Amino acid sequence: MAHLRSRRTRAIALPAGLALTASLGFLPSGAASAASLDDATPAAVTTDGPKLSYVVNTHGGHSTAKAVKRAIAKAGGTVVIAYDQIGVIVVHSQNPDFAEQIRTVKGVTSAGATRTNPLAPQTDTAIDVEQPLGSAEAAQAAAEATDEQDPFEPLQWDLPAIKADKAHQKTLGSRNVTVAVIDTGVDDTHPDLAPNFDVEASANCVSGAPDTTPGSWRPAVGESDHGTHVAGTIAAAKNGVGVTGVAPGVKVSGIKVANPDGFFYTESVVCGFVWAAEHGVDVTNNSYYTDPWLFACKTDEDQKALLESVTRAARYAERKGAVNVAAAGNSRMDLAADELTDTTSPNDTTPVTRVINPRDCLDYPTMLPGVVTVSATGAKGLKSSYSNYGNGTIDIAAPGGDSTAFQKPDAPATSGLILSTVMNGGYGYKAGTSMASPHVAGVAALIKSTHPRASAAEVKALLYAQADDTACGAPYDINGDGTIDAVCEGGTSKNGFYGTGMTDALDAVRR
């Protein structure tokens, strides 16, 4: 199976040949460089190197930012956009020494290249493989649906798994609440998404600067429908059509941050969080990791800068009232281990094998402070075979699907994966922590609907307190071959597989 885009959006291959999706994710508080040039840089700089994108993180007031911008120009850089509210400047430069030179400028805390591949048009149009909803299966589901259900809801075993079906009898959520899908784009023309789509909170952030051209937030032809699938899980309307979202009465917006090749670069992610922060978003869903590093290390000057930029942006969104929810990743890794082996970074040029310490090297945004980290479960309520885990790292669990051979749902559902919206008005199955995260984002939206005055911190506290305790259970041998596949550490109320437990939509709407 093609496995190109899945590296970025947390999709993995299941034994049945099905595609999966997910996400991973500090803040080095970098002090100002002791070597304080003013805004002067070497008079002659090389500008014939590969054109790269950089983030420059600053501290200080308006005058400091102005001086840093002058220094950027003298170092051969061009400012794409300056997010002065968080002290992050996005820069393009062909000076191979740009980052090293700008780090010596007074007022700069860190700076680094956001990629190892030069800025250039990309031609790869491969997309995530998925399992479409079959016509016979759709017809059978529609025939079995009750008057209270949308036609394909009988196939959505994930809704009763978190008691969303019972929650909907009380409320569908508030139109005053918006969840932003920071992802590959959202097709707002889909009949199950159009009724709830928030145009004002949508944008294309791929360049690092927001583009609000109508429709710019949609996936282009040949691009991934990952974000559209995520959006349906959160807020597909309960309108007698297709599927039902966890919070079918709230609004959903699309903030596109993946380029045509499916890479989620730092400048795009920063733009996404800032845009959400400044457009009234209550919850952000982040089902990706930030490229090109599966784990970005604080000990590396470039990677440290990327972590700092996204941390600033995510914290800014939370200060503005947004709860940031992120997928834990599909690498079957124990994120609380003493060391991990990363063989996939950098994923935009030639990966190298490196052993990292996950306390110093973070998968971001999911491992950033304040972000809600979500692991995935299957139809039998067990940790999904692919899901990352880690005691003290996982905050909460939700259905993300698993191989039907491992965790088969009860009838009338037929697939162990998650059914949701896809492009061209269609419906399809995917699995991954990418699919688990939007379930939690939807529950957070229901909590915000029930408690409209609650701060982001209060919503998170309720989210964790209302989760259903889920114990580690028997030794984890998901494929039954006699070998333990992962070790769950912790107690019933908090452990490495399920965090504080399974997210609970019904408790979210009880006052």
Protein backbone atom coordinates (compact mmCIF):
# COMPACT_ATOMS: atom_id res chain seq x y z
CA MET A 1 0.00 0.00 0.00
CA ALA A 2 1.26 3.49 -0.79
CA HIS A 3 2.48 5.02 2.43
CA LEU A 4 3.48 8.53 1.39
CA ARG A 5 1.11 10.96 3.02
CA SER A 6 0.50 8.75 6.01
CA ARG A 7 3.89 9.73 7.40
CA ARG A 8 2.56 13.20 8.01
CA THR A 9 -1.04 12.58 8.98
CA ARG A 10 -0.59 9.61 11.27
CA ALA A 11 -1.87 6.91 8.96
CA ILE A 12 -0.53 3.40 9.19
CA ALA A 13 -1.10 0.14 7.38
CA LEU A 14 -3.27 -2.51 9.01
CA PRO A 15 -3.07 -6.19 8.13
CA ALA A 16 -6.25 -5.86 6.07
CA GLY A 17 -4.54 -3.30 3.86
CA LEU A 18 -6.42 -0.38 5.36
CA ALA A 19 -5.08 3.14 5.83
CA LEU A 20 -4.74 4.75 9.23
CA THR A 21 -4.02 8.30 10.40
CA ALA A 22 -2.69 10.30 13.50
CA SER A 23 -0.45 12.98 15.10
CA LEU A 24 2.55 13.69 17.47
CA GLY A 25 4.07 16.72 19.04
CA PHE A 26 8.02 22.09 24.79
CA LEU A 27 9.11 25.18 24.74
CA PRO A 28 12.74 25.97 25.17
CA SER A 29 12.55 29.33 26.79
CA GLY A 30 15.67 30.41 24.90
CA ALA A 31 17.43 33.36 26.45
CA ALA A 32 18.76 36.10 24.22
CA SER A 33 22.10 35.39 22.62
CA ALA A 34 25.01 36.67 24.64
CA ALA A 35 26.71 37.72 21.43
CA SER A 36 24.63 40.82 20.76
CA LEU A 37 25.33 42.40 17.45
CA ASP A 38 22.93 45.24 16.98
CA ASP A 39 21.03 44.94 13.74
CA ALA A 40 24.28 44.73 11.80
CA THR A 41 25.24 41.55 9.99
CA PRO A 42 28.12 40.87 7.63
CA ALA A 43 28.02 43.29 4.71
CA ALA A 44 28.44 40.52 2.17
CA VAL A 45 26.30 37.41 2.43
CA THR A 46 25.89 34.44 0.13
CA THR A 47 22.45 34.32 -1.50
CA ASP A 48 22.89 31.58 -4.08
CA GLY A 49 22.14 28.61 -1.84
CA PRO A 50 18.91 26.58 -1.80
CA LYS A 51 15.86 28.65 -0.92
CA LEU A 52 14.69 27.56 2.53
CA SER A 53 12.04 28.69 4.97
CA TYR A 54 13.01 29.75 8.50
CA VAL A 55 11.38 30.75 11.74
CA VAL A 56 13.05 33.46 13.83
CA ASN A 57 11.90 33.76 17.44
CA THR A 58 12.36 37.08 19.19
CA HIS A 59 11.86 38.63 22.60
CA GLY A 60 11.36 42.24 23.56
CA GLY A 61 9.07 44.95 22.29
CA HIS A 62 8.19 46.56 18.98
CA SER A 63 11.56 48.29 18.59
CA THR A 64 13.40 44.99 19.04
CA ALA A 65 11.24 43.33 16.39
CA LYS A 66 11.95 46.17 13.95
CA ALA A 67 15.71 45.83 14.54
CA VAL A 68 15.55 42.06 14.01
CA LYS A 69 13.67 42.54 10.74
CA ARG A 70 16.39 44.90 9.50
CA ALA A 71 19.00 42.31 10.46
CA ILE A 72 17.04 39.65 8.59
CA ALA A 73 17.21 41.73 5.41
CA LYS A 74 20.93 42.32 5.81
CA ALA A 75 21.45 38.57 6.28
CA GLY A 76 19.75 37.87 2.96
CA GLY A 77 16.32 37.04 4.30
CA THR A 78 12.87 38.09 3.17
CA VAL A 79 10.11 38.36 5.76
CA VAL A 80 7.03 36.38 4.69
CA ILE A 81 5.00 37.37 7.74
CA ALA A 82 5.73 38.52 11.28
CA TYR A 83 3.53 37.27 14.08
CA ASP A 84 4.51 40.04 16.47
CA GLN A 85 1.90 38.93 19.00
CA ILE A 86 4.01 35.84 19.72
CA GLY A 87 7.42 37.04 18.52
CA VAL A 88 7.71 34.66 15.55
CA ILE A 89 8.92 35.79 12.12
CA VAL A 90 8.65 33.57 9.03
CA VAL A 91 11.54 34.16 6.60
CA HIS A 92 12.72 32.87 3.23
CA SER A 93 16.43 32.97 2.46
CA GLN A 94 19.02 31.56 0.08
CA ASN A 95 21.88 32.36 2.45
CA PRO A 96 23.18 28.95 3.65
CA ASP A 97 24.45 30.66 6.83
CA PHE A 98 21.27 32.62 7.51
CA ALA A 99 20.22 30.82 10.69
CA GLU A 100 23.71 30.84 12.20
CA GLN A 101 24.11 34.57 11.47
CA ILE A 102 20.70 35.68 12.67
CA ARG A 103 21.07 33.81 15.96
CA THR A 104 23.80 36.28 16.96
CA VAL A 105 21.47 39.26 16.60
CA LYS A 106 20.31 41.00 19.78
CA GLY A 107 16.68 40.15 20.53
CA VAL A 108 16.75 36.74 18.76
CA THR A 109 16.15 33.78 21.07
CA SER A 110 16.33 31.06 18.42
CA ALA A 111 16.15 30.56 14.67
CA GLY A 112 16.10 27.54 12.39
CA ALA A 113 15.21 26.14 9.01
CA THR A 114 11.75 24.59 8.92
CA ARG A 115 12.70 22.03 6.26
CA THR A 116 15.64 20.26 4.68
CA ASN A 117 14.11 20.30 1.20
CA PRO A 118 14.29 23.59 -0.76
CA LEU A 119 11.15 25.56 -1.48
CA ALA A 120 10.06 24.38 -4.92
CA PRO A 121 6.95 23.17 -6.72
CA GLN A 122 6.09 19.62 -5.72
CA THR A 123 4.69 16.99 -8.10
CA ASP A 124 3.77 14.07 -5.86
CA THR A 125 -0.02 13.75 -5.76
CA ALA A 126 -0.34 10.43 -3.93
CA ILE A 127 -3.12 10.42 -1.32
CA ASP A 128 -4.07 8.28 1.63
CA VAL A 129 -5.51 4.93 0.72
CA GLU A 130 -8.93 4.45 2.27
CA GLN A 131 -11.78 1.95 2.30
CA PRO A 132 -14.87 3.51 0.70
CA LEU A 133 -18.34 2.78 2.01
CA GLY A 134 -19.86 0.11 -0.25
CA SER A 135 -23.27 0.70 -1.78
CA ALA A 136 -24.75 -2.53 -0.44
CA GLU A 137 -23.43 -1.82 3.04
CA ALA A 138 -24.83 1.71 2.86
CA ALA A 139 -28.25 0.49 1.79
CA GLN A 140 -28.36 -2.10 4.58
CA ALA A 141 -27.37 0.51 7.17
CA ALA A 142 -30.01 2.94 5.97
CA ALA A 143 -32.64 0.22 6.20
CA GLU A 144 -31.69 -0.50 9.83
CA ALA A 145 -31.41 3.13 10.95
CA THR A 146 -34.03 4.33 13.42
CA ASP A 147 -35.99 7.54 13.01
CA GLU A 148 -33.50 9.25 15.34
CA GLN A 149 -30.46 8.16 13.34
CA ASP A 150 -28.85 9.43 10.17
CA PRO A 151 -28.75 6.71 7.46
CA PHE A 152 -25.22 5.44 8.08
CA GLU A 153 -25.18 5.92 11.85
CA PRO A 154 -25.73 2.19 12.52
CA LEU A 155 -22.21 1.65 11.10
CA GLN A 156 -20.71 4.18 13.53
CA TRP A 157 -19.87 1.93 16.46
CA ASP A 158 -17.65 4.73 17.76
CA LEU A 159 -20.60 6.94 18.77
CA PRO A 160 -22.11 4.57 21.37
CA ALA A 161 -18.57 3.72 22.50
CA ILE A 162 -18.35 7.25 23.93
CA LYS A 163 -22.12 7.58 24.60
CA ALA A 164 -22.48 10.25 21.94
CA ASP A 165 -25.80 8.74 20.83
CA LYS A 166 -27.21 9.30 24.32
CA ALA A 167 -25.68 12.77 24.50
CA HIS A 168 -27.52 13.73 21.30
CA GLN A 169 -30.83 13.06 23.02
CA LYS A 170 -29.98 15.96 25.32
CA THR A 171 -28.23 18.34 22.96
CA LEU A 172 -26.36 18.42 19.66
CA GLY A 173 -24.09 21.23 20.84
CA SER A 174 -24.13 24.98 20.44
CA ARG A 175 -23.84 26.98 17.22
CA ASN A 176 -21.74 29.42 19.25
CA VAL A 177 -18.91 26.87 19.51
CA THR A 178 -16.38 26.35 16.69
CA VAL A 179 -13.85 23.55 16.29
CA ALA A 180 -10.98 24.27 13.88
CA VAL A 181 -9.61 21.35 11.92
CA ILE A 182 -5.92 22.20 11.41
CA ASP A 183 -5.16 19.67 8.71
CA THR A 184 -5.03 18.98 4.96
CA GLY A 185 -8.08 21.14 4.30
CA VAL A 186 -11.82 20.63 4.62
CA ASP A 187 -14.33 20.23 1.81
CA ASP A 188 -17.07 22.54 3.04
CA THR A 189 -19.27 21.63 0.07
CA HIS A 190 -19.91 18.15 1.49
CA PRO A 191 -23.64 17.89 2.33
CA ASP A 192 -22.86 16.65 5.84
CA LEU A 193 -20.41 19.52 6.54
CA ALA A 194 -21.89 22.49 4.71
CA PRO A 195 -24.65 23.13 7.31
CA ASN A 196 -22.08 23.54 10.11
CA PHE A 197 -19.14 25.11 8.30
CA ASP A 198 -17.65 28.33 9.71
CA VAL A 199 -16.21 30.28 6.77
CA GLU A 200 -15.02 33.20 8.91
CA ALA A 201 -12.75 30.91 10.95
CA SER A 202 -11.29 29.15 7.88
CA ALA A 203 -8.12 29.89 5.91
CA ASN A 204 -5.22 28.42 3.95
CA CYS A 205 -2.01 28.68 6.00
CA VAL A 206 0.30 26.61 3.79
CA SER A 207 2.66 29.53 3.01
CA GLY A 208 2.90 30.52 6.65
CA ALA A 209 0.59 33.50 6.04
CA PRO A 210 -3.21 33.18 5.99
CA ASP A 211 -5.04 33.18 2.67
CA THR A 212 -8.80 33.71 2.92
CA THR A 213 -9.62 33.39 -0.75
CA PRO A 214 -12.99 31.60 -0.87
CA GLY A 215 -12.42 27.84 -0.99
CA SER A 216 -8.68 28.13 -0.30
CA TRP A 217 -9.19 25.90 2.76
CA ARG A 218 -10.37 22.99 0.60
CA PRO A 219 -8.10 20.16 -0.58
CA ALA A 220 -7.13 20.61 -4.23
CA VAL A 221 -7.67 17.83 -6.73
CA GLY A 222 -5.34 14.95 -5.82
CA GLU A 223 -4.76 16.17 -2.27
CA SER A 224 -5.64 14.24 0.85
CA ASP A 225 -9.19 14.05 2.21
CA HIS A 226 -7.79 13.48 5.70
CA GLY A 227 -9.03 16.80 7.08
CA THR A 228 -12.49 16.25 5.59
CA HIS A 229 -12.74 12.88 7.34
CA VAL A 230 -11.65 14.44 10.64
CA ALA A 231 -14.21 17.26 10.28
CA GLY A 232 -17.05 14.78 9.80
CA THR A 233 -16.19 12.92 12.98
CA ILE A 234 -16.36 16.19 14.89
CA ALA A 235 -19.44 17.86 13.44
CA ALA A 236 -21.17 16.07 10.58
CA ALA A 237 -24.70 17.47 10.76
CA LYS A 238 -27.59 15.39 12.10
CA ASN A 239 -29.66 16.18 9.04
CA GLY A 240 -31.01 12.92 7.68
CA VAL A 241 -27.95 12.55 5.45
CA GLY A 242 -24.96 10.22 5.79
CA VAL A 243 -23.18 10.10 9.14
CA THR A 244 -23.44 11.95 12.45
CA GLY A 245 -20.64 13.83 14.20
CA VAL A 246 -19.81 13.69 17.90
CA ALA A 247 -21.05 17.28 18.21
CA PRO A 248 -23.40 17.68 15.23
CA GLY A 249 -24.75 21.05 16.37
CA VAL A 250 -21.45 22.94 16.66
CA LYS A 251 -19.56 24.69 13.89
CA VAL A 252 -16.41 23.39 12.24
CA SER A 253 -13.79 25.35 10.30
CA GLY A 254 -10.94 24.31 8.03
CA ILE A 255 -7.42 25.65 8.44
CA LYS A 256 -5.29 24.10 5.72
CA VAL A 257 -1.66 23.62 6.74
CA ALA A 258 -0.51 20.72 4.53
CA ASN A 259 1.23 21.50 1.24
CA PRO A 260 0.43 19.53 -1.96
CA ASP A 261 2.86 16.80 -0.91
CA GLY A 262 1.15 16.47 2.45
CA PHE A 263 3.94 18.04 4.53
CA PHE A 264 2.97 20.00 7.64
CA TYR A 265 5.78 22.53 8.07
CA THR A 266 6.33 24.72 11.14
CA GLU A 267 5.42 28.05 9.57
CA SER A 268 2.08 26.64 8.40
CA VAL A 269 1.27 25.19 11.83
CA VAL A 270 2.18 28.47 13.55
CA CYS A 271 -0.15 30.30 11.16
CA GLY A 272 -2.89 27.77 11.91
CA PHE A 273 -2.79 28.22 15.67
CA VAL A 274 -2.59 32.02 15.45
CA TRP A 275 -5.46 32.16 12.98
CA ALA A 276 -7.59 29.96 15.24
CA ALA A 277 -6.67 32.08 18.26
CA GLU A 278 -7.78 35.29 16.60
CA HIS A 279 -11.02 34.02 15.05
CA GLY A 280 -12.99 32.81 18.03
CA VAL A 281 -12.12 29.14 17.82
CA ASP A 282 -12.97 27.14 20.96
CA VAL A 283 -11.19 23.87 20.11
CA THR A 284 -8.45 22.96 17.64
CA ASN A 285 -7.92 19.43 16.34
CA ASN A 286 -4.40 18.48 15.31
CA SER A 287 -4.14 15.06 13.66
CA TYR A 288 -0.59 15.34 12.32
CA TYR A 289 2.99 15.82 13.39
CA THR A 290 5.07 18.78 12.27
CA ASP A 291 7.51 17.89 9.51
CA PRO A 292 10.24 17.06 8.78
CA TRP A 293 11.16 15.71 12.24
CA LEU A 294 9.09 12.98 13.86
CA PHE A 295 10.79 14.15 17.06
CA ALA A 296 12.33 17.65 17.21
CA CYS A 297 15.21 17.91 19.66
CA LYS A 298 15.90 20.85 21.98
CA THR A 299 19.62 20.09 21.67
CA ASP A 300 19.62 20.96 17.96
CA GLU A 301 19.60 24.70 17.13
CA ASP A 302 17.25 24.37 14.17
CA GLN A 303 14.86 21.92 15.78
CA LYS A 304 14.82 23.92 19.02
CA ALA A 305 13.60 26.95 17.09
CA LEU A 306 10.78 24.98 15.46
CA LEU A 307 9.61 23.71 18.84
CA GLU A 308 9.70 27.21 20.29
CA SER A 309 7.67 28.70 17.44
CA VAL A 310 4.88 26.13 17.58
CA THR A 311 4.83 26.18 21.39
CA ARG A 312 4.37 29.94 21.36
CA ALA A 313 1.56 29.65 18.84
CA ALA A 314 -0.24 26.83 20.67
CA ARG A 315 0.03 28.66 24.00
CA TYR A 316 -1.32 31.80 22.36
CA ALA A 317 -4.35 29.88 21.12
CA GLU A 318 -4.97 28.50 24.59
CA ARG A 319 -4.62 31.95 26.16
CA LYS A 320 -7.28 33.10 23.72
CA GLY A 321 -9.60 30.32 24.95
CA ALA A 322 -8.94 27.37 22.63
CA VAL A 323 -8.47 23.80 23.82
CA ASN A 324 -5.79 22.18 21.65
CA VAL A 325 -6.38 18.46 21.02
CA ALA A 326 -3.82 16.28 19.20
CA ALA A 327 -3.35 12.69 18.06
CA ALA A 328 -0.65 10.67 19.82
CA GLY A 329 0.72 8.92 16.73
CA ASN A 330 0.63 5.52 15.10
CA SER A 331 4.16 4.21 15.62
CA ARG A 332 3.36 1.78 18.48
CA MET A 333 5.93 3.72 20.54
CA ASP A 334 6.08 4.15 24.31
CA LEU A 335 6.48 7.93 24.50
CA ALA A 336 7.50 7.60 28.16
CA ALA A 337 10.46 5.33 27.36
CA ASP A 338 14.03 6.33 28.22
CA GLU A 339 14.95 6.27 24.55
CA LEU A 340 13.35 5.70 21.16
CA THR A 341 14.74 5.00 17.71
CA ASP A 342 13.61 7.34 14.94
CA THR A 343 14.32 6.07 11.43
CA THR A 344 12.06 8.47 9.51
CA SER A 345 13.57 11.94 10.02
CA PRO A 346 14.03 14.19 8.19
CA ASN A 347 11.22 12.91 6.01
CA ASP A 348 11.50 15.54 3.27
CA THR A 349 15.00 14.50 2.16
CA THR A 350 17.06 11.51 3.34
CA PRO A 351 16.10 10.07 6.73
CA VAL A 352 18.80 8.95 9.16
CA THR A 353 18.61 6.58 12.09
CA ARG A 354 18.96 8.30 15.46
CA VAL A 355 18.31 7.33 19.06
CA ILE A 356 16.44 10.08 20.89
CA ASN A 357 15.31 10.83 24.44
CA PRO A 358 11.59 11.75 24.29
CA ARG A 359 12.10 14.14 27.20
CA ASP A 360 14.43 16.22 25.05
CA CYS A 361 13.04 15.40 21.61
CA LEU A 362 9.31 15.97 21.22
CA ASP A 363 6.71 14.92 18.73
CA TYR A 364 4.88 18.20 18.30
CA PRO A 365 2.28 19.55 18.74
CA THR A 366 1.02 16.48 20.62
CA MET A 367 3.78 16.44 23.27
CA LEU A 368 3.72 20.18 23.92
CA PRO A 369 2.64 21.43 27.35
CA GLY A 370 -1.07 22.06 27.59
CA VAL A 371 -2.02 20.02 24.52
CA VAL A 372 -4.53 17.19 25.05
CA THR A 373 -2.79 14.01 23.83
CA VAL A 374 -5.15 11.30 22.56
CA SER A 375 -4.51 7.58 22.14
CA ALA A 376 -6.71 5.34 19.99
CA THR A 377 -8.94 2.41 20.86
CA GLY A 378 -10.69 -0.18 18.73
CA ALA A 379 -14.22 -1.54 18.67
CA LYS A 380 -13.57 -3.77 21.68
CA GLY A 381 -12.30 -0.83 23.75
CA LEU A 382 -8.67 -1.97 23.74
CA LYS A 383 -5.72 0.20 22.74
CA SER A 384 -5.46 0.11 18.96
CA SER A 385 -2.62 -2.05 17.67
CA TYR A 386 -0.80 0.94 16.14
CA SER A 387 -1.41 3.59 18.80
CA ASN A 388 1.43 5.27 20.64
CA TYR A 389 1.16 5.19 24.41
CA GLY A 390 3.09 6.24 27.51
CA ASN A 391 2.36 6.73 31.20
CA GLY A 392 2.27 10.45 31.93
CA THR A 393 2.12 11.29 28.21
CA ILE A 394 -1.34 10.08 27.12
CA ASP A 395 -4.11 12.27 28.53
CA ILE A 396 -7.24 10.53 27.28
CA ALA A 397 -8.43 7.81 24.89
CA ALA A 398 -11.05 7.67 22.14
CA PRO A 399 -12.12 5.41 19.27
CA GLY A 400 -9.65 5.52 16.41
CA GLY A 401 -10.43 2.12 14.93
CA ASP A 402 -8.30 -0.96 14.44
CA SER A 403 -8.05 -3.93 12.12
CA THR A 404 -11.40 -5.68 12.07
CA ALA A 405 -9.46 -8.92 12.57
CA PHE A 406 -8.19 -7.59 15.90
CA GLN A 407 -11.26 -5.74 17.17
CA LYS A 408 -14.49 -6.56 15.36
CA PRO A 409 -17.49 -4.36 16.14
CA ASP A 410 -20.89 -5.66 17.09
CA ALA A 411 -23.54 -5.78 14.35
CA PRO A 412 -24.88 -3.90 12.50
CA ALA A 413 -21.44 -2.24 12.21
CA THR A 414 -19.19 -4.22 9.88
CA SER A 415 -15.78 -2.52 9.91
CA GLY A 416 -13.42 -1.91 12.80
CA LEU A 417 -12.42 1.41 11.24
CA ILE A 418 -14.05 4.82 11.62
CA LEU A 419 -16.67 5.90 9.07
CA SER A 420 -16.81 9.59 8.17
CA THR A 421 -17.01 12.13 5.36
CA VAL A 422 -14.62 12.16 2.40
CA MET A 423 -14.30 14.14 -0.82
CA ASN A 424 -16.98 14.54 -3.50
CA GLY A 425 -19.81 14.08 -1.04
CA GLY A 426 -18.70 10.55 -0.19
CA TYR A 427 -18.11 8.48 2.92
CA GLY A 428 -15.23 6.21 3.81
CA TYR A 429 -13.39 4.37 6.55
CA LYS A 430 -10.05 5.35 8.06
CA ALA A 431 -8.27 4.47 11.28
CA GLY A 432 -5.54 6.01 13.38
CA THR A 433 -5.02 8.31 16.30
CA SER A 434 -5.98 10.93 13.71
CA MET A 435 -9.49 9.52 13.98
CA ALA A 436 -9.37 9.32 17.80
CA SER A 437 -8.39 12.96 18.33
CA PRO A 438 -11.53 14.43 16.67
CA HIS A 439 -13.75 12.37 18.98
CA VAL A 440 -12.13 14.17 21.92
CA ALA A 441 -12.32 17.50 20.11
CA GLY A 442 -16.05 16.89 19.64
CA VAL A 443 -16.54 16.07 23.32
CA ALA A 444 -14.59 19.22 24.29
CA ALA A 445 -16.98 21.16 22.04
CA LEU A 446 -19.96 19.64 23.86
CA ILE A 447 -18.43 20.64 27.20
CA LYS A 448 -17.93 24.20 25.93
CA SER A 449 -21.54 24.17 24.69
CA THR A 450 -22.76 23.15 28.13
CA HIS A 451 -20.41 25.53 29.96
CA PRO A 452 -20.06 28.53 27.61
CA ARG A 453 -18.16 30.63 30.15
CA ALA A 454 -15.59 27.91 30.88
CA SER A 455 -11.95 28.73 30.17
CA ALA A 456 -9.75 26.38 28.18
CA ALA A 457 -8.23 25.09 31.42
CA GLU A 458 -11.68 24.44 32.85
CA VAL A 459 -12.83 22.60 29.74
CA LYS A 460 -9.75 20.39 29.90
CA ALA A 461 -10.33 19.70 33.60
CA LEU A 462 -13.91 18.60 32.87
CA LEU A 463 -12.75 16.55 29.89
CA TYR A 464 -10.39 14.54 32.09
CA ALA A 465 -12.68 14.32 35.12
CA GLN A 466 -15.59 13.01 33.04
CA ALA A 467 -13.59 10.37 31.16
CA ASP A 468 -14.53 6.79 32.02
CA ASP A 469 -11.74 5.10 33.96
CA THR A 470 -10.19 2.34 31.85
CA ALA A 471 -7.76 -0.09 33.49
CA CYS A 472 -4.76 -1.58 31.73
CA GLY A 473 -6.44 -4.98 31.70
CA ALA A 474 -4.85 -8.28 30.73
CA PRO A 475 -1.36 -8.42 29.19
CA TYR A 476 -1.59 -6.79 25.76
CA ASP A 477 -1.31 -9.36 22.99
CA ILE A 478 -3.52 -7.74 20.37
CA ASN A 479 -2.93 -10.29 17.60
CA GLY A 480 -3.04 -13.36 19.85
CA ASP A 481 0.35 -14.75 18.83
CA GLY A 482 1.55 -15.23 22.40
CA THR A 483 3.92 -12.24 22.35
CA ILE A 484 3.20 -9.17 24.48
CA ASP A 485 2.95 -6.25 22.05
CA ALA A 486 3.09 -3.38 24.57
CA VAL A 487 3.19 -2.88 28.32
CA CYS A 488 0.63 -0.66 30.03
CA GLU A 489 1.87 1.11 33.17
CA GLY A 490 -0.26 2.91 35.74
CA GLY A 491 -3.51 2.45 37.61
CA THR A 492 -7.17 2.40 36.74
CA SER A 493 -7.69 6.16 36.87
CA LYS A 494 -4.53 7.06 34.91
CA ASN A 495 -2.27 4.87 32.82
CA GLY A 496 -0.12 4.77 29.72
CA PHE A 497 -2.68 3.21 27.36
CA TYR A 498 -5.80 5.23 28.13
CA GLY A 499 -4.67 8.23 30.18
CA THR A 500 -7.60 9.40 32.31
CA GLY A 501 -9.85 6.98 30.44
CA MET A 502 -12.32 6.84 27.54
CA THR A 503 -13.78 10.21 26.63
CA ASP A 504 -17.45 10.53 27.62
CA ALA A 505 -19.86 12.61 25.52
CA LEU A 506 -22.87 12.02 27.77
CA ASP A 507 -21.18 13.44 30.85
CA ALA A 508 -20.10 16.39 28.72
CA VAL A 509 -23.72 17.54 28.30
CA ARG A 510 -24.84 16.95 31.88
CA ARG A 511 -24.85 20.20 33.84
